[in-house]
Amino acid sequence: MSSLARAGGTGTVGRVRDELARRGQVDDLPTAFLAGVTRFGRPPQAELDALAAAAEGLARRLATDDVADDDLPLLTRVLFLSGAADVLAEAGVLTPAYDVLGSYRDNIDRPLGPRLAERPVAGGRRWRVLGRDVGLPIGIPACVLNGGEAWVRHNAGNGWNVLTYKTVRSRAHAPNDRPNWVFAARETRSLPAGAAADVTADPWDWVPPGSADVSTVNSFGVPSPAPGEWMPDLERSLAAVGEDQLLLVSVMGEGDGTALVEDFARTARLAEEAGGTVVELNLSCPNTLSPSAAAGVKPPLCLDADATVAVVEGVRRALDDRTGLVAKLSWLDEARLAALVPRLAPLVDGIAGINTLQSRVRRSDGEPTFPGRELAGLSGVAVRDSALDLTRRLVALREAGGRHFDVLAMGGVTDPASFEALFAAGADAVQSASGAFADPHLARDCVAALGETLPRAVTR
């Protein structure tokens, strides 16, 4: 047993224990933990009993100051699902960055996970992304991890240099019912590129923070505040990033035909008015509900090439020529991508991909993980090969077509090696969602591993 975890709370585990004791939370931990475990479903009784016994044993050791360093993994899980992840973050302990038990609104200005004392930087090296010189080109795509100023400021401080502000709309849009984000603990290896997935994911599943084998499933439904709320927040977020960092803003329209194009253009103009210098079009969401309940979840817009091109053309006409434009795609098969990219290339400054893979997601008892929504988005290591495949084909089409556009690659980035693989495939920037969720310090690790050696840095 580590002496650092004893004697009045020296060491990380001891500091966590002392803070819990100060708050008077030690005795209530097992009850709070089981309430979190069962918030959105009930594990089989044997599993629930084992979790209860583990939490009760931990609480006894905390009460007698008998905790050790090897208690930290269990302590992390118990505190996270007890609503006390802030205690871990204050002690510098890795914890998932988003409170999966809380609502979208609960999380919008409350990033979890530890904040580094100093932003990690790759010396004075810079890389060219969408016409800007940025630090190591790793970032976080449009998702709830960039849901507002607090998140952008937090992520920028932790070394994420290419951030995309969460997708916004021309009117307020409520999130899907909870749960919205769940670990897919059984998906620890990449599926074949583009493979349809039947995923088993229980709301109480857990993957230790920092694991490179993490996969997740989510079903948020692209929530958005009203423009009167998100526009000033976006303006503050843009001011929160460094001169060697880039913040894009993702937008999405709704409707059909001309109405869809007009709404995309309207929202893009609002983002531009708020100060956005690069607008990303969300053409790839796998979680948008159909107005018809019988129809369930819509397929990604980018599967319809004509509708996609109409939207991109309409937005390009609506924006100032100086505003950058990025089209975000889901994984597309060879024929679809080869037909679409030559039509997009003259209109955009960049193409981003992939989004999560639309998958059928059920609990271990066969019920939908997300009630009423059997289809959801799969991300993390499970989609790594799909991301590599699309990135390589995008780069090949760029080279063959003679029109330059930057490639923003994402999918399965959970460690420095997976970041490097997408960059080596020709991506200009690489982003991570599940990896950033499970390891808020992933950008720091990439800077440490690759900051001095990553090629294609600009000459200064």
Protein backbone atom coordinates (compact mmCIF):
# COMPACT_ATOMS: atom_id res chain seq x y z
CA MET A 1 0.00 0.00 0.00
CA SER A 2 1.37 3.40 -0.96
CA SER A 3 2.37 5.60 1.93
CA LEU A 4 1.46 8.59 -0.25
CA ALA A 5 -2.20 7.65 0.06
CA ARG A 6 -2.09 7.68 3.85
CA ALA A 7 -1.25 10.01 6.69
CA GLY A 8 -3.74 12.81 6.36
CA GLY A 9 -4.01 12.79 2.61
CA THR A 10 -0.64 13.34 0.96
CA GLY A 11 -0.50 12.22 -2.66
CA THR A 12 -3.28 12.30 -5.26
CA VAL A 13 -5.54 9.66 -3.74
CA GLY A 14 -5.12 11.18 -0.32
CA ARG A 15 -5.99 14.66 -1.57
CA VAL A 16 -9.15 13.31 -3.15
CA ARG A 17 -10.02 11.50 0.07
CA ASP A 18 -9.47 14.63 2.16
CA GLU A 19 -11.69 16.73 -0.10
CA LEU A 20 -14.46 14.14 0.04
CA ALA A 21 -14.18 14.08 3.83
CA ARG A 22 -14.27 17.87 3.96
CA ARG A 23 -17.47 17.83 1.91
CA GLY A 24 -18.98 15.08 4.03
CA GLN A 25 -19.50 12.85 0.98
CA VAL A 26 -17.64 9.67 1.95
CA ASP A 27 -20.52 7.83 3.63
CA ASP A 28 -22.96 8.64 0.83
CA LEU A 29 -20.69 7.54 -2.02
CA PRO A 30 -22.12 4.01 -2.50
CA THR A 31 -25.69 5.31 -2.68
CA ALA A 32 -24.77 8.15 -5.04
CA PHE A 33 -22.74 5.79 -7.22
CA LEU A 34 -25.53 3.25 -7.58
CA ALA A 35 -27.98 6.05 -8.37
CA GLY A 36 -25.68 7.06 -11.23
CA VAL A 37 -25.20 3.49 -12.43
CA THR A 38 -28.97 2.92 -12.60
CA ARG A 39 -29.97 6.38 -13.88
CA PHE A 40 -30.81 5.17 -17.37
CA GLY A 41 -31.16 1.41 -16.88
CA ARG A 42 -30.52 -1.36 -14.41
CA PRO A 43 -27.61 -3.79 -14.78
CA PRO A 44 -28.18 -7.51 -14.22
CA GLN A 45 -28.47 -8.15 -10.49
CA ALA A 46 -25.13 -9.96 -10.20
CA GLU A 47 -23.32 -7.07 -11.88
CA LEU A 48 -25.16 -4.52 -9.75
CA ASP A 49 -24.31 -6.43 -6.57
CA ALA A 50 -20.63 -6.53 -7.55
CA LEU A 51 -20.58 -2.79 -8.22
CA ALA A 52 -22.33 -2.10 -4.91
CA ALA A 53 -19.84 -4.26 -2.99
CA ALA A 54 -16.89 -2.53 -4.65
CA ALA A 55 -18.26 0.93 -3.84
CA GLU A 56 -19.02 -0.01 -0.23
CA GLY A 57 -15.52 -1.40 0.24
CA LEU A 58 -14.03 1.77 -1.22
CA ALA A 59 -16.12 3.95 1.10
CA ARG A 60 -14.91 1.96 4.11
CA ARG A 61 -11.29 2.43 3.08
CA LEU A 62 -11.86 6.13 2.52
CA ALA A 63 -13.49 6.47 5.94
CA THR A 64 -10.50 4.85 7.66
CA ASP A 65 -7.89 6.59 5.50
CA ASP A 66 -6.81 3.20 4.20
CA VAL A 67 -6.93 3.99 0.48
CA ALA A 68 -4.02 3.19 -1.80
CA ASP A 69 -2.83 4.25 -5.24
CA ASP A 70 -4.37 1.14 -6.77
CA ASP A 71 -7.79 2.38 -5.60
CA LEU A 72 -7.62 5.26 -8.09
CA PRO A 73 -9.31 3.50 -11.06
CA LEU A 74 -12.31 2.49 -8.94
CA LEU A 75 -12.34 5.85 -7.18
CA THR A 76 -12.46 7.60 -10.56
CA ARG A 77 -15.44 5.56 -11.74
CA VAL A 78 -17.31 5.94 -8.46
CA LEU A 79 -16.82 9.70 -8.23
CA PHE A 80 -17.65 10.28 -11.90
CA LEU A 81 -20.96 8.43 -11.62
CA SER A 82 -21.65 10.02 -8.23
CA GLY A 83 -21.56 13.53 -9.64
CA ALA A 84 -18.26 14.38 -7.93
CA ALA A 85 -15.91 14.40 -10.92
CA ASP A 86 -14.87 17.95 -10.04
CA VAL A 87 -13.00 16.55 -7.02
CA LEU A 88 -10.92 14.43 -9.38
CA ALA A 89 -10.27 17.31 -11.77
CA GLU A 90 -9.12 19.59 -8.97
CA ALA A 91 -6.60 16.91 -7.97
CA GLY A 92 -5.36 16.58 -11.57
CA VAL A 93 -6.91 13.13 -12.09
CA LEU A 94 -8.06 12.23 -15.59
CA THR A 95 -11.82 11.91 -15.85
CA PRO A 96 -14.17 11.90 -18.84
CA ALA A 97 -14.67 15.45 -20.02
CA TYR A 98 -18.48 15.42 -20.20
CA ASP A 99 -21.01 14.58 -17.48
CA VAL A 100 -22.99 11.81 -19.15
CA LEU A 101 -25.59 11.85 -16.36
CA GLY A 102 -26.28 15.56 -16.76
CA SER A 103 -28.34 17.27 -19.40
CA TYR A 104 -27.00 19.17 -22.38
CA ARG A 105 -27.87 22.39 -20.54
CA ASP A 106 -26.17 21.17 -17.35
CA ASN A 107 -22.97 20.66 -19.34
CA ILE A 108 -22.99 23.69 -21.61
CA ASP A 109 -20.82 25.86 -19.36
CA ARG A 110 -19.27 23.19 -17.13
CA PRO A 111 -16.40 21.26 -18.73
CA LEU A 112 -15.08 18.40 -16.65
CA GLY A 113 -11.57 17.03 -16.61
CA PRO A 114 -8.39 18.65 -15.29
CA ARG A 115 -7.07 21.90 -16.72
CA LEU A 116 -3.34 22.08 -17.38
CA ALA A 117 -1.43 24.86 -15.65
CA GLU A 118 0.23 25.81 -18.95
CA ARG A 119 -0.87 25.21 -22.52
CA PRO A 120 1.39 22.65 -24.21
CA VAL A 121 3.06 24.07 -27.32
CA ALA A 122 5.37 22.66 -29.97
CA GLY A 123 8.00 25.33 -29.44
CA GLY A 124 7.64 27.94 -32.15
CA ARG A 125 6.61 25.46 -34.85
CA ARG A 126 3.46 26.14 -36.88
CA TRP A 127 1.41 24.31 -39.48
CA ARG A 128 -0.79 25.85 -42.17
CA VAL A 129 -4.51 25.07 -41.77
CA LEU A 130 -7.21 26.88 -43.75
CA GLY A 131 -4.92 29.81 -44.40
CA ARG A 132 -3.87 30.22 -40.77
CA ASP A 133 -0.64 29.24 -39.01
CA VAL A 134 -1.49 27.12 -35.98
CA GLY A 135 0.35 25.10 -33.38
CA LEU A 136 0.38 21.31 -33.58
CA PRO A 137 -2.75 20.75 -35.72
CA ILE A 138 -4.78 18.66 -33.32
CA GLY A 139 -8.24 19.68 -32.25
CA ILE A 140 -11.78 18.75 -31.31
CA PRO A 141 -14.58 18.65 -33.90
CA ALA A 142 -18.06 20.09 -33.64
CA CYS A 143 -19.62 18.35 -30.65
CA VAL A 144 -20.77 19.08 -27.12
CA LEU A 145 -17.12 19.30 -26.04
CA ASN A 146 -17.07 22.67 -27.84
CA GLY A 147 -20.56 23.64 -26.72
CA GLY A 148 -19.75 27.16 -25.57
CA GLU A 149 -17.15 29.64 -24.39
CA ALA A 150 -16.27 27.71 -21.22
CA TRP A 151 -15.50 24.59 -23.26
CA VAL A 152 -13.52 26.44 -25.93
CA ARG A 153 -11.44 28.24 -23.31
CA HIS A 154 -10.86 24.98 -21.41
CA ASN A 155 -9.85 23.02 -24.52
CA ALA A 156 -7.64 25.76 -25.92
CA GLY A 157 -5.80 25.88 -22.60
CA ASN A 158 -5.21 22.13 -22.76
CA GLY A 159 -3.48 22.40 -26.14
CA TRP A 160 -6.28 21.67 -28.62
CA ASN A 161 -5.44 24.06 -31.45
CA VAL A 162 -8.05 23.42 -34.17
CA LEU A 163 -11.47 23.60 -32.55
CA THR A 164 -14.90 23.58 -34.17
CA TYR A 165 -17.67 25.31 -32.25
CA LYS A 166 -20.61 22.97 -31.78
CA THR A 167 -23.20 22.98 -34.56
CA VAL A 168 -25.63 25.89 -34.28
CA ARG A 169 -28.97 26.52 -35.96
CA SER A 170 -31.14 29.46 -36.96
CA ARG A 171 -33.53 28.73 -34.10
CA ALA A 172 -33.38 26.99 -30.74
CA HIS A 173 -33.48 23.21 -30.95
CA ALA A 174 -33.87 20.91 -27.94
CA PRO A 175 -31.63 17.86 -27.48
CA ASN A 176 -32.85 14.31 -27.69
CA ASP A 177 -33.96 12.74 -24.43
CA ARG A 178 -31.21 11.36 -22.21
CA PRO A 179 -29.06 9.36 -22.17
CA ASN A 180 -27.10 11.09 -24.91
CA TRP A 181 -23.57 9.69 -24.62
CA VAL A 182 -22.57 6.17 -23.59
CA PHE A 183 -19.33 4.19 -23.64
CA ALA A 184 -19.29 1.33 -26.15
CA ALA A 185 -17.01 -0.73 -23.94
CA ARG A 186 -17.23 -3.86 -26.08
CA GLU A 187 -15.92 -2.05 -29.19
CA THR A 188 -12.17 -2.10 -28.57
CA ARG A 189 -10.92 -2.61 -32.13
CA SER A 190 -11.61 -0.91 -35.42
CA LEU A 191 -14.38 -2.24 -37.60
CA PRO A 192 -13.69 -2.60 -41.34
CA ALA A 193 -13.99 0.67 -43.24
CA GLY A 194 -17.62 1.62 -43.71
CA ALA A 195 -18.90 -1.52 -42.01
CA ALA A 196 -22.44 -1.40 -40.69
CA ALA A 197 -22.34 -1.91 -36.95
CA ASP A 198 -24.66 -3.53 -34.47
CA VAL A 199 -23.37 -2.18 -31.18
CA THR A 200 -24.14 -3.39 -27.68
CA ALA A 201 -23.74 -0.55 -25.20
CA ASP A 202 -25.25 -0.30 -21.74
CA PRO A 203 -25.70 3.10 -20.07
CA TRP A 204 -23.62 1.93 -17.10
CA ASP A 205 -20.66 0.78 -19.22
CA TRP A 206 -17.27 2.24 -18.35
CA VAL A 207 -13.90 2.67 -20.02
CA PRO A 208 -10.99 3.91 -17.87
CA PRO A 209 -9.97 7.49 -18.74
CA GLY A 210 -6.95 7.63 -21.01
CA SER A 211 -7.63 4.27 -22.67
CA ALA A 212 -6.57 4.20 -26.32
CA ASP A 213 -9.19 1.50 -27.00
CA VAL A 214 -12.18 3.72 -26.26
CA SER A 215 -15.33 3.80 -28.39
CA THR A 216 -18.55 5.65 -27.63
CA VAL A 217 -22.06 6.03 -29.01
CA ASN A 218 -24.07 9.22 -28.88
CA SER A 219 -27.51 10.54 -29.74
CA PHE A 220 -27.81 14.26 -29.01
CA GLY A 221 -29.91 15.28 -32.01
CA VAL A 222 -27.91 18.47 -32.78
CA PRO A 223 -29.28 20.72 -30.04
CA SER A 224 -28.73 24.45 -30.37
CA PRO A 225 -29.47 27.57 -28.35
CA ALA A 226 -31.27 30.39 -30.14
CA PRO A 227 -29.07 32.79 -32.16
CA GLY A 228 -29.55 35.46 -29.51
CA GLU A 229 -27.66 33.18 -27.12
CA TRP A 230 -25.10 31.46 -29.32
CA MET A 231 -23.97 34.50 -31.33
CA PRO A 232 -22.54 36.47 -28.37
CA ASP A 233 -21.15 33.24 -26.92
CA LEU A 234 -19.40 32.51 -30.23
CA GLU A 235 -17.95 36.01 -30.22
CA ARG A 236 -16.51 35.43 -26.74
CA SER A 237 -15.25 31.99 -27.77
CA LEU A 238 -13.37 33.43 -30.74
CA ALA A 239 -11.66 35.85 -28.37
CA ALA A 240 -10.67 32.96 -26.08
CA VAL A 241 -8.36 31.16 -28.53
CA GLY A 242 -4.72 32.06 -29.05
CA GLU A 243 -3.23 33.65 -32.14
CA ASP A 244 -1.80 30.25 -33.07
CA GLN A 245 -5.16 28.51 -32.68
CA LEU A 246 -8.21 28.30 -34.94
CA LEU A 247 -11.90 28.16 -34.07
CA LEU A 248 -14.29 27.13 -36.83
CA VAL A 249 -18.05 27.27 -36.34
CA SER A 250 -20.34 24.47 -37.48
CA VAL A 251 -23.80 25.32 -38.82
CA MET A 252 -26.79 23.30 -39.91
CA GLY A 253 -30.02 24.09 -41.70
CA GLU A 254 -33.35 22.33 -41.73
CA GLY A 255 -36.20 21.86 -44.16
CA ASP A 256 -36.27 20.50 -47.68
CA GLY A 257 -35.22 21.80 -51.06
CA THR A 258 -34.90 25.56 -51.30
CA ALA A 259 -35.91 26.02 -47.66
CA LEU A 260 -32.99 23.84 -46.56
CA VAL A 261 -30.50 25.83 -48.63
CA GLU A 262 -31.86 29.13 -47.35
CA ASP A 263 -31.72 28.02 -43.73
CA PHE A 264 -28.13 26.81 -44.06
CA ALA A 265 -27.21 30.15 -45.66
CA ARG A 266 -29.07 32.15 -43.03
CA THR A 267 -27.30 30.35 -40.19
CA ALA A 268 -23.91 30.68 -41.88
CA ARG A 269 -24.42 34.44 -42.22
CA LEU A 270 -25.30 34.68 -38.53
CA ALA A 271 -22.06 32.87 -37.68
CA GLU A 272 -20.16 35.27 -39.90
CA GLU A 273 -21.85 38.26 -38.25
CA ALA A 274 -20.72 36.95 -34.86
CA GLY A 275 -17.11 37.03 -36.07
CA GLY A 276 -16.65 33.54 -37.47
CA THR A 277 -13.85 33.41 -40.02
CA VAL A 278 -14.35 29.77 -41.05
CA VAL A 279 -17.79 28.16 -41.33
CA GLU A 280 -18.19 24.39 -41.41
CA LEU A 281 -21.36 22.92 -42.90
CA ASN A 282 -22.70 19.93 -40.99
CA LEU A 283 -23.76 17.71 -43.89
CA SER A 284 -23.12 14.47 -42.04
CA CYS A 285 -25.10 14.22 -38.82
CA PRO A 286 -26.36 10.67 -38.11
CA ASN A 287 -28.67 11.68 -35.24
CA THR A 288 -31.24 14.06 -36.72
CA LEU A 289 -34.78 12.94 -35.97
CA SER A 290 -37.31 12.86 -38.79
CA PRO A 291 -40.45 14.99 -38.29
CA SER A 292 -42.31 11.73 -38.80
CA ALA A 293 -41.94 9.50 -35.75
CA ALA A 294 -42.40 6.47 -37.96
CA ALA A 295 -39.39 7.45 -40.06
CA GLY A 296 -37.05 7.53 -37.05
CA VAL A 297 -33.60 9.01 -37.69
CA LYS A 298 -32.70 10.67 -40.98
CA PRO A 299 -29.73 9.53 -43.06
CA PRO A 300 -26.85 12.03 -43.35
CA LEU A 301 -27.53 14.78 -45.88
CA CYS A 302 -24.26 14.14 -47.72
CA LEU A 303 -25.65 10.87 -49.07
CA ASP A 304 -27.70 13.07 -51.42
CA ALA A 305 -25.07 14.63 -53.69
CA ASP A 306 -27.39 17.10 -55.43
CA ALA A 307 -28.82 18.40 -52.15
CA THR A 308 -25.32 18.67 -50.69
CA VAL A 309 -23.98 20.68 -53.62
CA ALA A 310 -27.04 22.94 -53.59
CA VAL A 311 -26.43 23.74 -49.91
CA VAL A 312 -22.72 24.41 -50.40
CA GLU A 313 -23.36 26.62 -53.44
CA GLY A 314 -26.03 28.57 -51.58
CA VAL A 315 -23.83 29.16 -48.55
CA ARG A 316 -20.82 30.12 -50.65
CA ARG A 317 -22.90 32.80 -52.40
CA ALA A 318 -24.19 34.09 -49.07
CA LEU A 319 -20.83 34.48 -47.33
CA ASP A 320 -18.10 37.03 -47.74
CA ASP A 321 -15.37 35.74 -50.06
CA ARG A 322 -12.89 36.08 -47.20
CA THR A 323 -14.81 33.66 -44.98
CA GLY A 324 -13.48 30.13 -45.16
CA LEU A 325 -15.92 27.32 -45.94
CA VAL A 326 -15.59 23.66 -44.96
CA ALA A 327 -17.93 20.80 -45.87
CA LYS A 328 -18.15 18.02 -43.29
CA LEU A 329 -18.94 14.58 -44.67
CA SER A 330 -19.70 11.19 -43.22
CA TRP A 331 -17.97 8.06 -44.50
CA LEU A 332 -18.94 7.61 -48.16
CA ASP A 333 -18.22 4.68 -50.40
CA GLU A 334 -15.83 5.04 -53.31
CA ALA A 335 -18.43 5.85 -55.96
CA ARG A 336 -20.27 8.45 -53.86
CA LEU A 337 -17.12 10.25 -52.74
CA ALA A 338 -15.58 10.26 -56.22
CA ALA A 339 -18.76 11.78 -57.65
CA LEU A 340 -19.18 14.41 -54.91
CA VAL A 341 -15.69 15.79 -54.25
CA PRO A 342 -15.04 17.24 -57.74
CA ARG A 343 -18.30 19.18 -57.40
CA LEU A 344 -17.39 20.48 -53.94
CA ALA A 345 -13.73 21.30 -54.56
CA PRO A 346 -14.30 24.61 -56.43
CA LEU A 347 -16.62 25.82 -53.67
CA VAL A 348 -14.82 25.03 -50.42
CA ASP A 349 -11.57 25.68 -48.60
CA GLY A 350 -11.69 22.37 -46.78
CA ILE A 351 -13.46 19.04 -46.43
CA ALA A 352 -13.81 17.44 -43.01
CA GLY A 353 -14.64 13.86 -42.14
CA ILE A 354 -15.68 11.55 -40.82
CA ASN A 355 -18.64 12.12 -38.58
CA THR A 356 -19.78 9.29 -36.35
CA LEU A 357 -20.99 6.17 -38.14
CA GLN A 358 -24.74 5.66 -37.96
CA SER A 359 -25.17 2.34 -36.16
CA ARG A 360 -27.86 0.24 -34.54
CA VAL A 361 -27.27 0.49 -30.79
CA ARG A 362 -28.91 -1.73 -28.19
CA ARG A 363 -28.42 -2.56 -24.55
CA SER A 364 -27.39 -6.06 -23.52
CA ASP A 365 -31.07 -6.85 -22.85
CA GLY A 366 -31.95 -6.01 -26.46
CA GLU A 367 -33.68 -2.68 -25.78
CA PRO A 368 -32.45 0.49 -27.53
CA THR A 369 -29.66 2.16 -25.58
CA PHE A 370 -31.27 5.49 -26.44
CA PRO A 371 -35.02 5.00 -25.86
CA GLY A 372 -37.02 5.47 -29.03
CA ARG A 373 -33.88 5.88 -31.14
CA GLU A 374 -32.33 2.61 -32.25
CA LEU A 375 -29.90 4.39 -34.59
CA ALA A 376 -27.10 6.47 -33.10
CA GLY A 377 -23.56 7.61 -33.88
CA LEU A 378 -20.54 5.37 -33.22
CA SER A 379 -17.11 6.93 -32.74
CA GLY A 380 -13.71 6.18 -31.26
CA VAL A 381 -11.39 3.31 -32.08
CA ALA A 382 -14.25 1.39 -33.73
CA VAL A 383 -14.28 3.85 -36.66
CA ARG A 384 -10.51 4.29 -37.03
CA ASP A 385 -10.21 2.35 -40.30
CA SER A 386 -13.18 4.24 -41.77
CA ALA A 387 -11.46 7.55 -41.00
CA LEU A 388 -8.17 6.44 -42.52
CA ASP A 389 -9.94 5.12 -45.59
CA LEU A 390 -11.89 8.33 -46.24
CA THR A 391 -8.85 10.53 -45.57
CA ARG A 392 -6.69 8.64 -48.05
CA ARG A 393 -9.38 8.84 -50.72
CA LEU A 394 -9.97 12.55 -50.10
CA VAL A 395 -6.26 13.26 -50.46
CA ALA A 396 -6.08 11.18 -53.66
CA LEU A 397 -9.05 13.02 -55.14
CA ARG A 398 -7.48 16.35 -54.20
CA GLU A 399 -4.26 15.43 -55.96
CA ALA A 400 -6.06 14.09 -59.02
CA GLY A 401 -8.43 17.05 -59.32
CA GLY A 402 -5.90 19.85 -59.30
CA ARG A 403 -7.89 22.03 -56.88
CA HIS A 404 -6.47 22.39 -53.39
CA PHE A 405 -8.64 22.06 -50.32
CA ASP A 406 -7.50 21.27 -46.81
CA VAL A 407 -8.49 17.95 -45.28
CA LEU A 408 -9.62 17.94 -41.65
CA ALA A 409 -9.56 14.31 -40.57
CA MET A 410 -11.19 12.73 -37.54
CA GLY A 411 -12.28 9.31 -36.36
CA GLY A 412 -10.55 6.91 -34.00
CA VAL A 413 -7.97 9.40 -32.72
CA THR A 414 -7.30 8.18 -29.19
CA ASP A 415 -3.50 8.38 -28.88
CA PRO A 416 -0.51 10.06 -30.58
CA ALA A 417 -0.08 7.15 -33.01
CA SER A 418 -3.62 7.45 -34.38
CA PHE A 419 -3.19 11.22 -34.73
CA GLU A 420 0.05 10.67 -36.63
CA ALA A 421 -1.54 8.05 -38.91
CA LEU A 422 -4.20 10.46 -40.19
CA PHE A 423 -1.67 13.26 -40.58
CA ALA A 424 0.66 10.94 -42.49
CA ALA A 425 -2.27 10.02 -44.76
CA GLY A 426 -2.31 13.64 -45.91
CA ALA A 427 -4.64 15.40 -43.47
CA ASP A 428 -3.85 19.05 -42.77
CA ALA A 429 -5.43 18.92 -39.31
CA VAL A 430 -6.66 16.07 -37.13
CA GLN A 431 -9.50 16.22 -34.60
CA SER A 432 -10.73 13.89 -31.86
CA ALA A 433 -14.08 13.60 -30.07
CA SER A 434 -14.22 10.26 -28.22
CA GLY A 435 -10.48 10.49 -27.56
CA ALA A 436 -10.86 14.00 -26.14
CA PHE A 437 -13.86 12.88 -24.08
CA ALA A 438 -11.97 9.97 -22.55
CA ASP A 439 -8.62 11.76 -22.22
CA PRO A 440 -8.74 15.56 -21.92
CA HIS A 441 -4.91 15.57 -21.97
CA LEU A 442 -4.56 13.77 -25.30
CA ALA A 443 -3.43 16.97 -27.06
CA ARG A 444 -0.64 17.38 -24.51
CA ASP A 445 0.52 13.83 -25.20
CA CYS A 446 0.52 14.46 -28.95
CA VAL A 447 2.56 17.64 -28.51
CA ALA A 448 5.05 15.79 -26.31
CA ALA A 449 5.38 12.89 -28.74
CA LEU A 450 5.31 14.74 -32.07
CA GLY A 451 5.82 18.46 -31.50
CA GLU A 452 9.46 18.40 -32.56
CA THR A 453 9.21 15.89 -35.41
CA LEU A 454 5.82 16.23 -37.14
CA PRO A 455 6.54 17.11 -40.79
CA ARG A 456 5.11 19.86 -43.03
CA ALA A 457 5.64 22.68 -40.55
CA VAL A 458 5.75 26.10 -42.20
CA THR A 459 8.98 28.04 -42.47
CA ARG A 460 8.92 31.11 -40.26
